[in-house]
Structure formats: structure tokens, C-alpha cells
Amino acid sequence: MAKHRLQTQPSRGATAARGALAAGAVTIGSLAAPAAIAAAAPAPGPHTQELSAQQIAKKKIKHVKDVKAVKRVVKKRKPLAERAVITPRAVTVTAGSVQARAVQAALSRLGAPYSYGAAGPNAFDCSGLVQWSMKQAGIRVPRDSWGQLGGGRPVALNELQPGDIIIYNGGSHAALYIGGGKVVQSMTYGVPVKVTPLDAMRVYAARRY
């Protein structure tokens, strides 16, 4: 019975602490501070998830990693202006000229597959596309890129006009200049005919026919 009375009878310290809380004279001490914190904390509801400090830290770390991953993806993406495909409407040439017809012919083949030795109209290699496009405008040019380099007349890069032939790789690759610092070309297997920047590769020479 004595043991039971010790468990149920409140201690003098606890009684004094409750009296101080009721009177509003709560001070920071070994008894009053824990009681005030417990009174301020909301009781957890039936659907409330109580997280430990370690769990909260893990969630913050995961959030930071997610944000960094998104930033890496965004950083790798190129600006829309660089990814946009140039269409024939964006090309400026003198309407009705032979140069305009050659450029329009080349642009009409955008998306056609590369095939070595092919000169159109459904597949092309680099010089094949140039020759076919010029032929549609009534201009005769040699079949291969070396021949195209050897013909016509030299043109300085600051004087390029749509319809000029651009030679790369010392003479082994050809493309057709369409204006605006762009060329249309058939590059290699797996890459269809497309528009690219003039300086995507180092220009070796330019020829005008």
C-alpha cells in the first residue's frame, strides 16, 4: 500500500510548477520551461506524421538533389533560337533569280536521307545535293566536291551570296549557301539533309557558278 501511495501522490515540485503556470508567472527553469513548450506544441491529430530530425534532414537533402537535377537538365538544353529549324520562308534571296531557284530546290529536299554516290531526287551525298539543286536552276556544276572546288570563281566569305557553293574539309565536303550565315547540306549516314550554321565546320573555300 505504501508503494501505491508514492506513485499516485504528486510531488511537491510538480505541485509548485502547476501553481506557477496557473498564476501566469512562468520563468525559464528546470520545471517551467518544459511545461510551456509542451503547452505550445499542437497535439498530433490522427493523420499527422511526426518526423524526427534525421527524417527531416533526409527530406531536405532529397529536395536539394531534385532541384539540382532539374537545373542540370535545364542547363544542358539549348536556347530555343538555337534549336529552331530554319524554313525556306526565313531565307532571303532575289526572287526569280537562278540563285533563288537553286536554294529553293535544295531546301525542298530537307529531310532526304544521305547516301554515298546518290545525286537525288530522293537521296543525296554532299556534292550530289549541290549538283542536283544547281541543275534545277539551270546551272551545270561538276559531280564531286573536288570538281566543284576546281570550277566557278573564288568568293570571299564576306561577299557570300545565296547559291554559292561552300567547300569544307580541304575539298572533300560541299554545301550550298542559302544566306543568313546558313548552309543546306547532306552530311553523312543517319543525318538527313538539313540547314546548319555556315561555321559549324571550318570553311575551306567558296565558289560561285
N, C-alpha and C. Protein backbone atom coordinates (compact mmCIF):
# COMPACT_ATOMS: atom_id res chain seq x y z
N MET A 1 0.83 -1.21 0.00
CA MET A 1 0.00 0.00 0.00
C MET A 1 0.86 1.25 0.00
N ALA A 2 1.98 1.24 0.72
CA ALA A 2 2.85 2.42 0.76
C ALA A 2 3.41 2.71 -0.61
N LYS A 3 3.77 1.67 -1.33
CA LYS A 3 4.29 1.85 -2.68
C LYS A 3 3.26 2.48 -3.58
N HIS A 4 1.98 2.05 -3.46
CA HIS A 4 0.91 2.60 -4.28
C HIS A 4 0.73 4.09 -3.99
N ARG A 5 0.79 4.48 -2.71
CA ARG A 5 0.61 5.89 -2.36
C ARG A 5 1.74 6.75 -2.93
N LEU A 6 2.97 6.24 -3.03
CA LEU A 6 4.08 7.01 -3.58
C LEU A 6 3.90 7.26 -5.09
N GLN A 7 3.29 6.35 -5.78
CA GLN A 7 3.10 6.51 -7.22
C GLN A 7 1.98 7.49 -7.55
N THR A 8 0.92 7.53 -6.73
CA THR A 8 -0.24 8.36 -7.05
C THR A 8 -0.16 9.74 -6.44
N GLN A 9 0.55 9.92 -5.36
CA GLN A 9 0.61 11.23 -4.70
C GLN A 9 1.56 12.15 -5.45
N PRO A 10 1.15 13.32 -5.90
CA PRO A 10 2.03 14.25 -6.63
C PRO A 10 3.14 14.76 -5.74
N SER A 11 4.31 15.01 -6.36
CA SER A 11 5.45 15.53 -5.63
C SER A 11 5.25 17.02 -5.34
N ARG A 12 6.01 17.51 -4.37
CA ARG A 12 5.91 18.93 -4.04
C ARG A 12 6.39 19.81 -5.20
N GLY A 13 7.42 19.35 -5.93
CA GLY A 13 7.92 20.14 -7.06
C GLY A 13 6.89 20.27 -8.16
N ALA A 14 6.18 19.17 -8.47
CA ALA A 14 5.16 19.21 -9.52
C ALA A 14 4.02 20.11 -9.12
N THR A 15 3.63 20.05 -7.85
CA THR A 15 2.54 20.91 -7.36
C THR A 15 2.93 22.37 -7.48
N ALA A 16 4.16 22.70 -7.15
CA ALA A 16 4.62 24.10 -7.24
C ALA A 16 4.66 24.58 -8.68
N ALA A 17 5.05 23.70 -9.60
CA ALA A 17 5.11 24.08 -11.02
C ALA A 17 3.73 24.37 -11.57
N ARG A 18 2.74 23.52 -11.21
CA ARG A 18 1.38 23.75 -11.70
C ARG A 18 0.83 25.06 -11.14
N GLY A 19 1.17 25.37 -9.89
CA GLY A 19 0.71 26.61 -9.30
C GLY A 19 1.28 27.82 -9.99
N ALA A 20 2.54 27.74 -10.42
CA ALA A 20 3.17 28.86 -11.12
C ALA A 20 2.56 29.07 -12.48
N LEU A 21 2.26 27.99 -13.20
CA LEU A 21 1.62 28.09 -14.53
C LEU A 21 0.25 28.71 -14.42
N ALA A 22 -0.52 28.29 -13.40
CA ALA A 22 -1.87 28.81 -13.24
C ALA A 22 -1.84 30.29 -12.92
N ALA A 23 -0.84 30.75 -12.19
CA ALA A 23 -0.76 32.17 -11.82
C ALA A 23 -0.17 33.02 -12.92
N GLY A 24 0.37 32.41 -14.00
CA GLY A 24 0.94 33.17 -15.11
C GLY A 24 2.35 33.60 -14.88
N ALA A 25 2.98 33.20 -13.81
CA ALA A 25 4.35 33.62 -13.51
C ALA A 25 5.30 32.52 -13.91
N VAL A 26 5.38 32.23 -15.24
CA VAL A 26 6.23 31.16 -15.74
C VAL A 26 7.61 31.73 -16.03
N THR A 27 8.64 31.12 -15.48
CA THR A 27 10.01 31.54 -15.73
C THR A 27 10.77 30.40 -16.33
N ILE A 28 11.90 30.72 -17.00
CA ILE A 28 12.71 29.68 -17.61
C ILE A 28 13.46 28.96 -16.51
N GLY A 29 13.10 27.74 -16.29
CA GLY A 29 13.72 26.93 -15.26
C GLY A 29 13.59 25.48 -15.59
N SER A 30 14.06 24.67 -14.72
CA SER A 30 14.06 23.23 -14.99
C SER A 30 12.67 22.66 -15.02
N LEU A 31 11.69 23.31 -14.43
CA LEU A 31 10.32 22.79 -14.40
C LEU A 31 9.40 23.56 -15.34
N ALA A 32 9.47 24.89 -15.31
CA ALA A 32 8.52 25.70 -16.06
C ALA A 32 8.75 25.63 -17.55
N ALA A 33 9.98 25.64 -18.06
CA ALA A 33 10.26 25.66 -19.49
C ALA A 33 9.70 24.45 -20.21
N PRO A 34 9.94 23.21 -19.76
CA PRO A 34 9.35 22.06 -20.45
C PRO A 34 7.85 22.11 -20.47
N ALA A 35 7.23 22.59 -19.39
CA ALA A 35 5.78 22.67 -19.35
C ALA A 35 5.26 23.65 -20.38
N ALA A 36 5.93 24.82 -20.56
CA ALA A 36 5.49 25.83 -21.52
C ALA A 36 5.62 25.31 -22.93
N ILE A 37 6.71 24.63 -23.24
CA ILE A 37 6.91 24.09 -24.58
C ILE A 37 5.86 23.05 -24.89
N ALA A 38 5.54 22.20 -23.92
CA ALA A 38 4.53 21.17 -24.14
C ALA A 38 3.18 21.80 -24.38
N ALA A 39 2.87 22.90 -23.65
CA ALA A 39 1.58 23.56 -23.82
C ALA A 39 1.46 24.23 -25.17
N ALA A 40 2.60 24.76 -25.76
CA ALA A 40 2.57 25.47 -27.04
C ALA A 40 2.49 24.53 -28.22
N ALA A 41 3.00 23.31 -28.09
CA ALA A 41 3.04 22.38 -29.21
C ALA A 41 1.67 21.80 -29.45
N PRO A 42 1.16 21.84 -30.72
CA PRO A 42 -0.16 21.28 -31.00
C PRO A 42 -0.13 19.76 -30.87
N ALA A 43 -1.24 19.24 -30.38
CA ALA A 43 -1.33 17.78 -30.23
C ALA A 43 -1.45 17.15 -31.61
N PRO A 44 -0.72 16.09 -31.85
CA PRO A 44 -0.79 15.46 -33.18
C PRO A 44 -2.16 14.85 -33.43
N GLY A 45 -2.73 15.15 -34.60
CA GLY A 45 -4.02 14.60 -34.97
C GLY A 45 -3.90 13.18 -35.47
N PRO A 46 -5.01 12.56 -35.82
CA PRO A 46 -4.97 11.15 -36.25
C PRO A 46 -4.21 10.95 -37.53
N HIS A 47 -4.08 12.02 -38.41
CA HIS A 47 -3.39 11.87 -39.69
C HIS A 47 -2.06 12.63 -39.71
N THR A 48 -1.61 13.12 -38.56
CA THR A 48 -0.37 13.88 -38.51
C THR A 48 0.81 12.93 -38.44
N GLN A 49 1.83 13.19 -39.30
CA GLN A 49 3.04 12.37 -39.30
C GLN A 49 4.13 13.11 -38.55
N GLU A 50 4.59 12.53 -37.47
CA GLU A 50 5.65 13.14 -36.68
C GLU A 50 6.98 12.69 -37.24
N LEU A 51 7.84 13.63 -37.64
CA LEU A 51 9.13 13.32 -38.23
C LEU A 51 10.24 13.63 -37.24
N SER A 52 11.21 12.75 -37.22
CA SER A 52 12.39 13.00 -36.41
C SER A 52 13.29 13.99 -37.13
N ALA A 53 14.26 14.54 -36.40
CA ALA A 53 15.21 15.48 -37.01
C ALA A 53 15.97 14.81 -38.14
N GLN A 54 16.27 13.54 -38.00
CA GLN A 54 17.01 12.81 -39.04
C GLN A 54 16.16 12.66 -40.30
N GLN A 55 14.85 12.37 -40.11
CA GLN A 55 13.96 12.23 -41.27
C GLN A 55 13.80 13.55 -42.01
N ILE A 56 13.67 14.65 -41.24
CA ILE A 56 13.55 15.97 -41.87
C ILE A 56 14.80 16.30 -42.66
N ALA A 57 15.95 15.99 -42.11
CA ALA A 57 17.22 16.25 -42.81
C ALA A 57 17.28 15.46 -44.11
N LYS A 58 16.83 14.21 -44.09
CA LYS A 58 16.84 13.39 -45.30
C LYS A 58 15.93 13.98 -46.36
N LYS A 59 14.74 14.46 -45.94
CA LYS A 59 13.81 15.05 -46.90
C LYS A 59 14.40 16.31 -47.54
N LYS A 60 15.10 17.14 -46.74
CA LYS A 60 15.73 18.34 -47.28
C LYS A 60 16.82 17.99 -48.27
N ILE A 61 17.61 16.98 -47.96
CA ILE A 61 18.67 16.54 -48.86
C ILE A 61 18.08 16.07 -50.17
N LYS A 62 17.01 15.29 -50.10
CA LYS A 62 16.37 14.79 -51.32
C LYS A 62 15.83 15.94 -52.16
N HIS A 63 15.24 16.95 -51.52
CA HIS A 63 14.72 18.11 -52.25
C HIS A 63 15.85 18.85 -52.96
N VAL A 64 16.97 19.06 -52.27
CA VAL A 64 18.11 19.74 -52.88
C VAL A 64 18.62 18.98 -54.07
N LYS A 65 18.70 17.65 -53.95
CA LYS A 65 19.16 16.83 -55.07
C LYS A 65 18.21 16.93 -56.26
N ASP A 66 16.89 16.95 -55.97
CA ASP A 66 15.91 17.07 -57.06
C ASP A 66 16.06 18.40 -57.78
N VAL A 67 16.23 19.48 -57.02
CA VAL A 67 16.39 20.82 -57.63
C VAL A 67 17.65 20.86 -58.48
N LYS A 68 18.75 20.30 -57.98
CA LYS A 68 19.99 20.29 -58.73
C LYS A 68 19.85 19.49 -60.02
N ALA A 69 19.11 18.38 -59.96
CA ALA A 69 18.91 17.56 -61.15
C ALA A 69 18.14 18.33 -62.21
N VAL A 70 17.10 19.06 -61.80
CA VAL A 70 16.32 19.86 -62.75
C VAL A 70 17.19 20.95 -63.37
N LYS A 71 18.03 21.60 -62.54
CA LYS A 71 18.89 22.66 -63.06
C LYS A 71 19.88 22.12 -64.07
N ARG A 72 20.38 20.89 -63.84
CA ARG A 72 21.33 20.31 -64.79
C ARG A 72 20.66 20.07 -66.14
N VAL A 73 19.41 19.58 -66.12
CA VAL A 73 18.69 19.33 -67.37
C VAL A 73 18.44 20.63 -68.11
N VAL A 74 18.00 21.66 -67.37
CA VAL A 74 17.72 22.96 -68.00
C VAL A 74 18.99 23.56 -68.58
N LYS A 75 20.11 23.41 -67.85
CA LYS A 75 21.37 23.98 -68.30
C LYS A 75 21.84 23.32 -69.59
N LYS A 76 21.57 22.01 -69.74
CA LYS A 76 22.00 21.29 -70.93
C LYS A 76 21.18 21.66 -72.15
N ARG A 77 19.97 22.11 -71.92
CA ARG A 77 19.11 22.46 -73.05
C ARG A 77 19.61 23.71 -73.73
N LYS A 78 19.55 23.70 -75.03
CA LYS A 78 19.96 24.87 -75.79
C LYS A 78 18.81 25.86 -75.86
N PRO A 79 19.11 27.12 -76.01
CA PRO A 79 18.05 28.10 -76.21
C PRO A 79 17.19 27.76 -77.42
N LEU A 80 15.94 28.12 -77.37
CA LEU A 80 15.02 27.77 -78.45
C LEU A 80 15.49 28.29 -79.80
N ALA A 81 16.09 29.47 -79.83
CA ALA A 81 16.57 30.04 -81.09
C ALA A 81 17.62 29.16 -81.75
N GLU A 82 18.41 28.46 -80.92
CA GLU A 82 19.44 27.60 -81.48
C GLU A 82 18.87 26.28 -81.95
N ARG A 83 17.74 25.86 -81.35
CA ARG A 83 17.17 24.57 -81.71
C ARG A 83 16.15 24.69 -82.85
N ALA A 84 15.72 25.91 -83.17
CA ALA A 84 14.70 26.08 -84.20
C ALA A 84 15.22 25.70 -85.57
N VAL A 85 14.37 25.05 -86.35
CA VAL A 85 14.73 24.66 -87.71
C VAL A 85 14.39 25.80 -88.66
N ILE A 86 15.34 26.20 -89.48
CA ILE A 86 15.12 27.29 -90.43
C ILE A 86 14.32 26.75 -91.62
N THR A 87 13.29 27.43 -91.99
CA THR A 87 12.46 27.03 -93.11
C THR A 87 12.77 27.91 -94.31
N PRO A 88 12.36 27.49 -95.51
CA PRO A 88 12.61 28.31 -96.70
C PRO A 88 12.08 29.73 -96.59
N ARG A 89 11.03 29.96 -95.80
CA ARG A 89 10.48 31.30 -95.68
C ARG A 89 11.43 32.25 -94.98
N ALA A 90 12.37 31.69 -94.19
CA ALA A 90 13.32 32.54 -93.46
C ALA A 90 14.52 32.92 -94.32
N VAL A 91 14.60 32.39 -95.54
CA VAL A 91 15.75 32.64 -96.42
C VAL A 91 15.44 33.81 -97.35
N THR A 92 16.36 34.76 -97.42
CA THR A 92 16.17 35.93 -98.27
C THR A 92 17.07 35.84 -99.50
N VAL A 93 16.48 35.74 -100.67
CA VAL A 93 17.22 35.74 -101.95
C VAL A 93 16.42 36.57 -102.95
N THR A 94 17.08 36.94 -104.02
CA THR A 94 16.39 37.71 -105.06
C THR A 94 15.39 36.83 -105.76
N ALA A 95 14.12 37.20 -105.68
CA ALA A 95 13.06 36.38 -106.26
C ALA A 95 13.27 36.18 -107.76
N GLY A 96 13.12 34.94 -108.20
CA GLY A 96 13.19 34.63 -109.63
C GLY A 96 14.59 34.43 -110.17
N SER A 97 15.64 34.72 -109.37
CA SER A 97 16.99 34.55 -109.88
C SER A 97 17.37 33.07 -109.89
N VAL A 98 18.44 32.75 -110.66
CA VAL A 98 18.88 31.35 -110.71
C VAL A 98 19.36 30.92 -109.32
N GLN A 99 19.96 31.83 -108.56
CA GLN A 99 20.41 31.51 -107.21
C GLN A 99 19.23 31.15 -106.30
N ALA A 100 18.13 31.92 -106.46
CA ALA A 100 16.93 31.65 -105.67
C ALA A 100 16.37 30.28 -105.99
N ARG A 101 16.37 29.92 -107.27
CA ARG A 101 15.83 28.62 -107.66
C ARG A 101 16.71 27.48 -107.13
N ALA A 102 18.02 27.68 -107.13
CA ALA A 102 18.92 26.65 -106.60
C ALA A 102 18.70 26.46 -105.10
N VAL A 103 18.59 27.57 -104.38
CA VAL A 103 18.36 27.49 -102.93
C VAL A 103 17.03 26.83 -102.62
N GLN A 104 15.98 27.23 -103.36
CA GLN A 104 14.66 26.66 -103.14
C GLN A 104 14.65 25.17 -103.44
N ALA A 105 15.38 24.76 -104.46
CA ALA A 105 15.45 23.34 -104.80
C ALA A 105 16.12 22.56 -103.68
N ALA A 106 17.23 23.09 -103.17
CA ALA A 106 17.92 22.40 -102.07
C ALA A 106 17.05 22.30 -100.82
N LEU A 107 16.36 23.39 -100.49
CA LEU A 107 15.52 23.38 -99.30
C LEU A 107 14.31 22.47 -99.45
N SER A 108 13.91 22.21 -100.69
CA SER A 108 12.78 21.30 -100.91
C SER A 108 13.16 19.86 -100.58
N ARG A 109 14.45 19.58 -100.42
CA ARG A 109 14.93 18.23 -100.11
C ARG A 109 15.25 18.04 -98.63
N LEU A 110 14.91 19.00 -97.79
CA LEU A 110 15.15 18.85 -96.36
C LEU A 110 14.54 17.55 -95.85
N GLY A 111 15.33 16.80 -95.10
CA GLY A 111 14.85 15.53 -94.56
C GLY A 111 15.18 14.33 -95.42
N ALA A 112 15.66 14.55 -96.65
CA ALA A 112 16.03 13.43 -97.51
C ALA A 112 17.25 12.71 -96.93
N PRO A 113 17.33 11.39 -97.06
CA PRO A 113 18.44 10.65 -96.45
C PRO A 113 19.76 10.82 -97.19
N TYR A 114 20.84 10.62 -96.45
CA TYR A 114 22.17 10.61 -97.05
C TYR A 114 22.44 9.24 -97.65
N SER A 115 23.07 9.25 -98.81
CA SER A 115 23.51 8.00 -99.43
C SER A 115 24.72 8.31 -100.31
N TYR A 116 25.81 7.64 -100.03
CA TYR A 116 27.04 7.92 -100.77
C TYR A 116 26.85 7.61 -102.25
N GLY A 117 27.25 8.56 -103.11
CA GLY A 117 27.13 8.38 -104.54
C GLY A 117 25.78 8.77 -105.11
N ALA A 118 24.82 9.14 -104.23
CA ALA A 118 23.47 9.49 -104.71
C ALA A 118 23.38 10.97 -105.04
N ALA A 119 22.68 11.28 -106.13
CA ALA A 119 22.51 12.66 -106.56
C ALA A 119 21.05 12.99 -106.80
N GLY A 120 20.17 12.46 -105.95
CA GLY A 120 18.74 12.80 -105.99
C GLY A 120 17.92 11.97 -106.94
N PRO A 121 16.65 12.26 -106.96
CA PRO A 121 15.99 13.31 -106.16
C PRO A 121 15.56 12.87 -104.76
N ASN A 122 15.72 11.56 -104.43
CA ASN A 122 15.22 11.07 -103.14
C ASN A 122 16.31 10.86 -102.09
N ALA A 123 17.55 10.79 -102.50
CA ALA A 123 18.67 10.62 -101.57
C ALA A 123 19.88 11.32 -102.18
N PHE A 124 20.82 11.74 -101.30
CA PHE A 124 21.95 12.53 -101.77
C PHE A 124 23.19 12.26 -100.92
N ASP A 125 24.37 12.44 -101.56
CA ASP A 125 25.56 12.68 -100.77
C ASP A 125 25.80 14.19 -100.82
N CYS A 126 26.90 14.68 -100.26
CA CYS A 126 27.07 16.13 -100.12
C CYS A 126 27.10 16.85 -101.48
N SER A 127 27.97 16.40 -102.36
CA SER A 127 28.09 17.08 -103.66
C SER A 127 26.91 16.75 -104.57
N GLY A 128 26.27 15.60 -104.32
CA GLY A 128 25.09 15.24 -105.10
C GLY A 128 23.95 16.22 -104.87
N LEU A 129 23.78 16.64 -103.62
CA LEU A 129 22.73 17.62 -103.31
C LEU A 129 23.04 18.96 -103.98
N VAL A 130 24.30 19.38 -103.93
CA VAL A 130 24.69 20.64 -104.55
C VAL A 130 24.45 20.59 -106.06
N GLN A 131 24.92 19.51 -106.69
CA GLN A 131 24.76 19.41 -108.14
C GLN A 131 23.29 19.37 -108.54
N TRP A 132 22.48 18.55 -107.85
CA TRP A 132 21.06 18.43 -108.18
C TRP A 132 20.35 19.79 -108.03
N SER A 133 20.65 20.50 -106.93
CA SER A 133 19.99 21.78 -106.68
C SER A 133 20.36 22.81 -107.75
N MET A 134 21.63 22.87 -108.11
CA MET A 134 22.06 23.81 -109.14
C MET A 134 21.46 23.45 -110.50
N LYS A 135 21.34 22.16 -110.75
CA LYS A 135 20.75 21.71 -112.02
C LYS A 135 19.32 22.17 -112.17
N GLN A 136 18.55 22.19 -111.06
CA GLN A 136 17.15 22.64 -111.11
C GLN A 136 17.05 24.11 -111.49
N ALA A 137 18.14 24.84 -111.27
CA ALA A 137 18.17 26.27 -111.63
C ALA A 137 18.84 26.50 -112.98
N GLY A 138 19.22 25.40 -113.66
CA GLY A 138 19.85 25.53 -114.97
C GLY A 138 21.35 25.78 -114.91
N ILE A 139 21.99 25.51 -113.78
CA ILE A 139 23.43 25.73 -113.62
C ILE A 139 24.14 24.38 -113.60
N ARG A 140 25.14 24.24 -114.44
CA ARG A 140 25.89 22.99 -114.50
C ARG A 140 27.13 23.08 -113.62
N VAL A 141 27.28 22.12 -112.73
CA VAL A 141 28.47 22.07 -111.87
C VAL A 141 29.00 20.64 -111.87
N PRO A 142 30.29 20.44 -111.59
CA PRO A 142 30.85 19.09 -111.53
C PRO A 142 30.13 18.23 -110.50
N ARG A 143 30.26 16.93 -110.66
CA ARG A 143 29.54 15.99 -109.80
C ARG A 143 30.12 15.90 -108.39
N ASP A 144 31.44 15.87 -108.23
CA ASP A 144 32.00 15.67 -106.89
C ASP A 144 32.51 16.99 -106.30
N SER A 145 32.78 16.97 -105.01
CA SER A 145 33.17 18.20 -104.31
C SER A 145 34.53 18.73 -104.77
N TRP A 146 35.44 17.83 -105.16
CA TRP A 146 36.73 18.29 -105.66
C TRP A 146 36.56 19.05 -106.97
N GLY A 147 35.69 18.53 -107.83
CA GLY A 147 35.42 19.22 -109.09
C GLY A 147 34.72 20.55 -108.86
N GLN A 148 33.80 20.59 -107.88
CA GLN A 148 33.11 21.84 -107.57
C GLN A 148 34.08 22.88 -107.00
N LEU A 149 35.09 22.42 -106.28
CA LEU A 149 36.13 23.31 -105.77
C LEU A 149 36.98 23.87 -106.91
N GLY A 150 37.21 23.05 -107.92
CA GLY A 150 38.08 23.47 -109.03
C GLY A 150 37.38 24.35 -110.04
N GLY A 151 36.06 24.39 -110.04
CA GLY A 151 35.33 25.19 -111.02
C GLY A 151 34.83 26.50 -110.43
N GLY A 152 34.04 27.23 -111.24
CA GLY A 152 33.49 28.51 -110.79
C GLY A 152 34.59 29.52 -110.52
N ARG A 153 34.28 30.51 -109.72
CA ARG A 153 35.29 31.50 -109.34
C ARG A 153 35.29 31.68 -107.83
N PRO A 154 36.46 31.97 -107.25
CA PRO A 154 36.57 32.12 -105.79
C PRO A 154 35.73 33.28 -105.27
N VAL A 155 35.19 33.10 -104.07
CA VAL A 155 34.39 34.14 -103.42
C VAL A 155 34.89 34.30 -101.99
N ALA A 156 35.12 35.55 -101.56
CA ALA A 156 35.49 35.81 -100.18
C ALA A 156 34.29 35.58 -99.27
N LEU A 157 34.56 35.15 -98.03
CA LEU A 157 33.46 34.82 -97.12
C LEU A 157 32.61 36.03 -96.78
N ASN A 158 33.20 37.22 -96.80
CA ASN A 158 32.40 38.42 -96.50
C ASN A 158 31.61 38.91 -97.71
N GLU A 159 31.69 38.17 -98.83
CA GLU A 159 30.94 38.54 -100.03
C GLU A 159 30.01 37.41 -100.49
N LEU A 160 29.74 36.45 -99.60
CA LEU A 160 28.90 35.31 -99.96
C LEU A 160 27.48 35.75 -100.33
N GLN A 161 26.93 35.04 -101.29
CA GLN A 161 25.55 35.26 -101.70
C GLN A 161 24.85 33.90 -101.75
N PRO A 162 23.52 33.89 -101.54
CA PRO A 162 22.78 32.64 -101.65
C PRO A 162 23.06 31.98 -103.01
N GLY A 163 23.28 30.68 -102.99
CA GLY A 163 23.59 29.95 -104.22
C GLY A 163 25.07 29.67 -104.39
N ASP A 164 25.93 30.26 -103.57
CA ASP A 164 27.36 29.95 -103.63
C ASP A 164 27.61 28.57 -103.03
N ILE A 165 28.63 27.90 -103.55
CA ILE A 165 28.99 26.58 -103.05
C ILE A 165 30.08 26.73 -101.99
N ILE A 166 29.86 26.10 -100.84
CA ILE A 166 30.82 26.16 -99.73
C ILE A 166 31.56 24.82 -99.67
N ILE A 167 32.88 24.90 -99.61
CA ILE A 167 33.71 23.70 -99.56
C ILE A 167 34.34 23.57 -98.17
N TYR A 168 34.27 22.36 -97.62
CA TYR A 168 34.84 22.07 -96.31
C TYR A 168 35.87 20.93 -96.42
N ASN A 169 36.56 20.70 -95.32
CA ASN A 169 37.48 19.55 -95.18
C ASN A 169 38.50 19.46 -96.31
N GLY A 170 39.04 20.60 -96.70
CA GLY A 170 40.08 20.60 -97.71
C GLY A 170 39.61 20.26 -99.12
N GLY A 171 38.31 20.12 -99.29
CA GLY A 171 37.77 19.81 -100.61
C GLY A 171 36.91 18.57 -100.65
N SER A 172 36.81 17.87 -99.52
CA SER A 172 36.08 16.59 -99.51
C SER A 172 34.60 16.72 -99.16
N HIS A 173 34.14 17.93 -98.85
CA HIS A 173 32.73 18.11 -98.49
C HIS A 173 32.21 19.41 -99.07
N ALA A 174 30.97 19.39 -99.55
CA ALA A 174 30.36 20.57 -100.18
C ALA A 174 28.97 20.83 -99.61
N ALA A 175 28.59 22.10 -99.58
CA ALA A 175 27.27 22.51 -99.13
C ALA A 175 26.85 23.72 -99.94
N LEU A 176 25.59 24.11 -99.84
CA LEU A 176 25.07 25.24 -100.59
C LEU A 176 24.69 26.36 -99.64
N TYR A 177 25.26 27.53 -99.87
CA TYR A 177 24.96 28.68 -99.02
C TYR A 177 23.57 29.21 -99.34
N ILE A 178 22.76 29.48 -98.28
CA ILE A 178 21.38 29.94 -98.50
C ILE A 178 21.15 31.34 -97.94
N GLY A 179 22.18 31.97 -97.41
CA GLY A 179 22.03 33.31 -96.84
C GLY A 179 21.87 33.26 -95.33
N GLY A 180 22.06 34.41 -94.69
CA GLY A 180 21.87 34.49 -93.25
C GLY A 180 22.86 33.68 -92.44
N GLY A 181 24.04 33.41 -93.01
CA GLY A 181 25.03 32.62 -92.28
C GLY A 181 24.68 31.16 -92.17
N LYS A 182 23.87 30.64 -93.11
CA LYS A 182 23.42 29.25 -93.07
C LYS A 182 23.73 28.54 -94.39
N VAL A 183 23.90 27.22 -94.29
CA VAL A 183 24.05 26.38 -95.49
C VAL A 183 23.07 25.23 -95.37
N VAL A 184 22.74 24.65 -96.52
CA VAL A 184 21.96 23.41 -96.53
C VAL A 184 22.91 22.33 -97.05
N GLN A 185 22.88 21.17 -96.40
CA GLN A 185 23.84 20.15 -96.78
C GLN A 185 23.34 18.74 -96.44
N SER A 186 23.93 17.78 -97.14
CA SER A 186 23.74 16.37 -96.83
C SER A 186 25.05 15.87 -96.25
N MET A 187 25.07 15.53 -94.98
CA MET A 187 26.32 15.37 -94.26
C MET A 187 26.88 13.94 -94.27
N THR A 188 26.10 13.00 -93.72
CA THR A 188 26.62 11.65 -93.57
C THR A 188 25.46 10.70 -93.29
N TYR A 189 25.75 9.41 -93.23
CA TYR A 189 24.71 8.40 -92.97
C TYR A 189 24.02 8.67 -91.63
N GLY A 190 22.72 8.53 -91.64
CA GLY A 190 21.94 8.75 -90.43
C GLY A 190 21.58 10.20 -90.17
N VAL A 191 22.12 11.11 -90.98
CA VAL A 191 21.81 12.53 -90.83
C VAL A 191 21.14 13.01 -92.11
N PRO A 192 19.86 13.35 -92.08
CA PRO A 192 19.17 13.79 -93.29
C PRO A 192 19.62 15.17 -93.73
N VAL A 193 19.24 15.54 -94.94
CA VAL A 193 19.54 16.88 -95.45
C VAL A 193 18.98 17.91 -94.48
N LYS A 194 19.81 18.88 -94.08
CA LYS A 194 19.36 19.87 -93.11
C LYS A 194 20.10 21.18 -93.27
N VAL A 195 19.58 22.21 -92.61
CA VAL A 195 20.20 23.53 -92.58
C VAL A 195 21.08 23.62 -91.34
N THR A 196 22.30 24.12 -91.51
CA THR A 196 23.24 24.26 -90.39
C THR A 196 23.93 25.62 -90.49
N PRO A 197 24.55 26.06 -89.41
CA PRO A 197 25.34 27.30 -89.49
C PRO A 197 26.51 27.13 -90.45
N LEU A 198 26.85 28.19 -91.15
CA LEU A 198 27.98 28.18 -92.08
C LEU A 198 29.26 27.75 -91.39
N ASP A 199 29.47 28.21 -90.16
CA ASP A 199 30.71 27.94 -89.46
C ASP A 199 30.63 26.74 -88.52
N ALA A 200 29.66 25.85 -88.74
CA ALA A 200 29.61 24.63 -87.94
C ALA A 200 30.86 23.79 -88.19
N MET A 201 31.45 23.93 -89.37
CA MET A 201 32.75 23.35 -89.68
C MET A 201 33.61 24.46 -90.27
N ARG A 202 34.91 24.22 -90.30
CA ARG A 202 35.81 25.24 -90.83
C ARG A 202 35.69 25.31 -92.35
N VAL A 203 35.37 26.49 -92.86
CA VAL A 203 35.21 26.68 -94.30
C VAL A 203 36.58 26.67 -94.98
N TYR A 204 36.69 25.88 -96.04
CA TYR A 204 37.95 25.79 -96.79
C TYR A 204 37.96 26.77 -97.96
N ALA A 205 36.83 26.86 -98.68
CA ALA A 205 36.75 27.75 -99.84
C ALA A 205 35.28 27.96 -100.21
N ALA A 206 35.03 28.93 -101.07
CA ALA A 206 33.70 29.18 -101.61
C ALA A 206 33.82 29.45 -103.10
N ARG A 207 32.85 28.94 -103.84
CA ARG A 207 32.85 29.10 -105.30
C ARG A 207 31.49 29.58 -105.78
N ARG A 208 31.54 30.44 -106.82
CA ARG A 208 30.30 30.95 -107.41
C ARG A 208 30.28 30.53 -108.89
N TYR A 209 29.16 29.94 -109.29
CA TYR A 209 29.00 29.49 -110.68
C TYR A 209 27.99 30.38 -111.42
